[in-house]
Amino acid sequence: MTALMYESTAPLPVAAFANDEETASRVDLGLRRFLASDAVTVALYDDLETVLGENAARLSPEDSAVISARLRDVAPTLNDVVARLLKTYPSEMDDVMARSSEFPGPEGAHGHLVRFASSILTVLDLMGELAVLREVDPS
């Protein structure tokens, strides 16, 4: 067996560590936001804006079903994120999960979608700054 040994007098770079409350808080928030980003996405906010926004219009049953399906897909991930990130699990999350298992007929699709989107928005409000999307620099 042959071992290679490099002779170098250059010291290895040493990382600077901070050990203060402010830095620890920033790192904690960053890690929690990163975990929340699994569920809280631009697409989620776009869907909520389409349903609940200032310029929201009544959607067709087909469009309501498509957005409901996307919200249904994100509900379990949101549930997992909320359970991990919030100290007290909000009862409002139970409402989201209950609505995610409802499949109304075409005549009730829009009303269901509005209630479903409203319950998700309530949970995002409870998450506070963890649910705030960061602007990403495109460069």
Protein backbone atom coordinates (compact mmCIF):
# COMPACT_ATOMS: atom_id res chain seq x y z
CA MET A 1 0.00 0.00 0.00
CA THR A 2 1.27 3.43 -0.88
CA ALA A 3 0.23 6.57 0.92
CA LEU A 4 0.59 9.99 -0.62
CA MET A 5 1.66 12.74 1.70
CA TYR A 6 1.66 16.33 0.67
CA GLU A 7 4.07 18.71 2.20
CA SER A 8 2.63 22.13 2.56
CA THR A 9 3.33 24.91 4.93
CA ALA A 10 0.14 26.77 4.07
CA PRO A 11 -2.32 26.63 6.94
CA LEU A 12 -5.81 25.34 6.31
CA PRO A 13 -8.45 28.06 6.22
CA VAL A 14 -10.25 28.51 9.50
CA ALA A 15 -13.90 29.50 9.49
CA ALA A 16 -15.01 32.25 11.76
CA PHE A 17 -17.76 31.26 14.16
CA ALA A 18 -20.11 33.58 15.91
CA ASN A 19 -21.49 32.70 19.29
CA ASP A 20 -24.07 35.35 19.97
CA GLU A 21 -27.85 35.42 20.29
CA GLU A 22 -28.44 37.56 17.20
CA THR A 23 -26.51 35.23 14.91
CA ALA A 24 -28.15 32.15 16.42
CA SER A 25 -31.58 33.70 15.88
CA ARG A 26 -30.81 34.54 12.25
CA VAL A 27 -29.53 31.03 11.56
CA ASP A 28 -32.57 29.49 13.28
CA LEU A 29 -34.95 31.64 11.25
CA GLY A 30 -33.11 30.79 8.04
CA LEU A 31 -33.29 27.08 8.73
CA ARG A 32 -36.97 27.28 9.67
CA ARG A 33 -37.76 29.28 6.52
CA PHE A 34 -35.87 26.72 4.46
CA LEU A 35 -38.03 23.94 5.91
CA ALA A 36 -41.18 26.01 5.31
CA SER A 37 -40.17 26.49 1.67
CA ASP A 38 -41.18 22.88 1.01
CA ALA A 39 -44.82 23.94 1.33
CA VAL A 40 -44.86 27.73 1.12
CA THR A 41 -44.09 28.49 -2.50
CA VAL A 42 -44.78 31.20 -5.04
CA ALA A 43 -47.20 28.80 -6.74
CA LEU A 44 -49.17 28.43 -3.49
CA TYR A 45 -49.45 32.19 -3.10
CA ASP A 46 -50.41 32.52 -6.77
CA ASP A 47 -53.26 30.05 -6.27
CA LEU A 48 -54.42 31.86 -3.12
CA GLU A 49 -54.30 35.17 -5.00
CA THR A 50 -56.36 33.69 -7.84
CA VAL A 51 -59.04 32.51 -5.42
CA LEU A 52 -58.99 35.20 -2.71
CA GLY A 53 -57.21 38.19 -4.20
CA GLU A 54 -58.55 41.64 -4.83
CA ASN A 55 -59.26 40.83 -8.48
CA ALA A 56 -60.53 37.29 -7.90
CA ALA A 57 -63.44 36.26 -10.06
CA ARG A 58 -65.71 33.27 -9.73
CA LEU A 59 -63.87 30.37 -11.29
CA SER A 60 -65.41 27.69 -13.46
CA PRO A 61 -65.95 24.29 -11.81
CA GLU A 62 -63.07 22.93 -13.89
CA ASP A 63 -60.63 25.68 -12.83
CA SER A 64 -61.80 25.33 -9.23
CA ALA A 65 -61.10 21.60 -9.37
CA VAL A 66 -57.59 22.15 -10.74
CA ILE A 67 -56.65 24.65 -8.02
CA SER A 68 -58.30 22.49 -5.34
CA ALA A 69 -56.16 19.56 -6.46
CA ARG A 70 -53.00 21.66 -6.15
CA LEU A 71 -54.03 22.82 -2.67
CA ARG A 72 -54.82 19.21 -1.74
CA ASP A 73 -51.31 18.25 -2.86
CA VAL A 74 -49.66 20.89 -0.65
CA ALA A 75 -51.85 20.29 2.44
CA PRO A 76 -49.92 17.25 3.81
CA THR A 77 -46.57 19.01 3.36
CA LEU A 78 -47.95 22.13 5.02
CA ASN A 79 -49.26 19.98 7.87
CA ASP A 80 -45.80 18.45 8.37
CA VAL A 81 -44.10 21.84 8.25
CA VAL A 82 -46.54 23.40 10.70
CA ALA A 83 -46.15 20.49 13.12
CA ARG A 84 -42.36 20.92 13.07
CA LEU A 85 -42.14 24.71 13.12
CA LEU A 86 -44.88 26.02 15.36
CA LYS A 87 -44.65 25.52 19.11
CA THR A 88 -48.38 25.02 19.41
CA TYR A 89 -50.07 23.08 16.63
CA PRO A 90 -52.94 25.30 15.49
CA SER A 91 -56.45 23.89 15.32
CA GLU A 92 -56.77 25.81 12.05
CA MET A 93 -54.49 23.20 10.47
CA ASP A 94 -57.12 20.57 11.30
CA ASP A 95 -59.55 22.64 9.23
CA VAL A 96 -57.12 22.62 6.28
CA MET A 97 -56.73 18.85 6.50
CA ALA A 98 -60.49 18.32 6.76
CA ARG A 99 -61.13 20.49 3.71
CA SER A 100 -58.38 18.68 1.78
CA SER A 101 -60.37 15.46 2.03
CA GLU A 102 -63.59 17.00 0.69
CA PHE A 103 -64.52 16.50 -2.96
CA PRO A 104 -67.63 18.56 -3.70
CA GLY A 105 -69.62 18.30 -6.90
CA PRO A 106 -69.34 20.92 -9.64
CA GLU A 107 -72.05 23.10 -8.09
CA GLY A 108 -70.14 23.40 -4.80
CA ALA A 109 -66.59 23.47 -6.16
CA HIS A 110 -66.07 27.23 -6.05
CA GLY A 111 -67.43 27.67 -2.53
CA HIS A 112 -65.33 24.78 -1.29
CA LEU A 113 -62.25 26.24 -2.96
CA VAL A 114 -62.77 29.64 -1.30
CA ARG A 115 -63.16 28.00 2.13
CA PHE A 116 -60.14 25.75 1.52
CA ALA A 117 -57.94 28.64 0.35
CA SER A 118 -59.10 30.79 3.29
CA SER A 119 -58.16 28.09 5.78
CA ILE A 120 -54.68 27.74 4.23
CA LEU A 121 -54.22 31.52 4.31
CA THR A 122 -55.16 31.53 8.00
CA VAL A 123 -52.45 28.96 8.72
CA LEU A 124 -49.90 30.97 6.73
CA ASP A 125 -50.85 34.03 8.78
CA LEU A 126 -50.23 32.03 11.97
CA MET A 127 -46.82 31.01 10.63
CA GLY A 128 -45.95 34.70 10.38
CA GLU A 129 -42.52 35.48 8.98
CA LEU A 130 -41.84 31.79 8.36
CA ALA A 131 -44.39 31.95 5.54
CA VAL A 132 -42.96 35.12 4.00
CA LEU A 133 -41.33 34.42 0.67
CA ARG A 134 -37.86 35.78 0.11
CA GLU A 135 -37.18 37.64 -3.09
CA VAL A 136 -34.55 35.76 -5.02
CA ASP A 137 -31.99 37.77 -6.94
CA PRO A 138 -32.17 36.48 -10.55
CA SER A 139 -28.49 37.26 -11.25
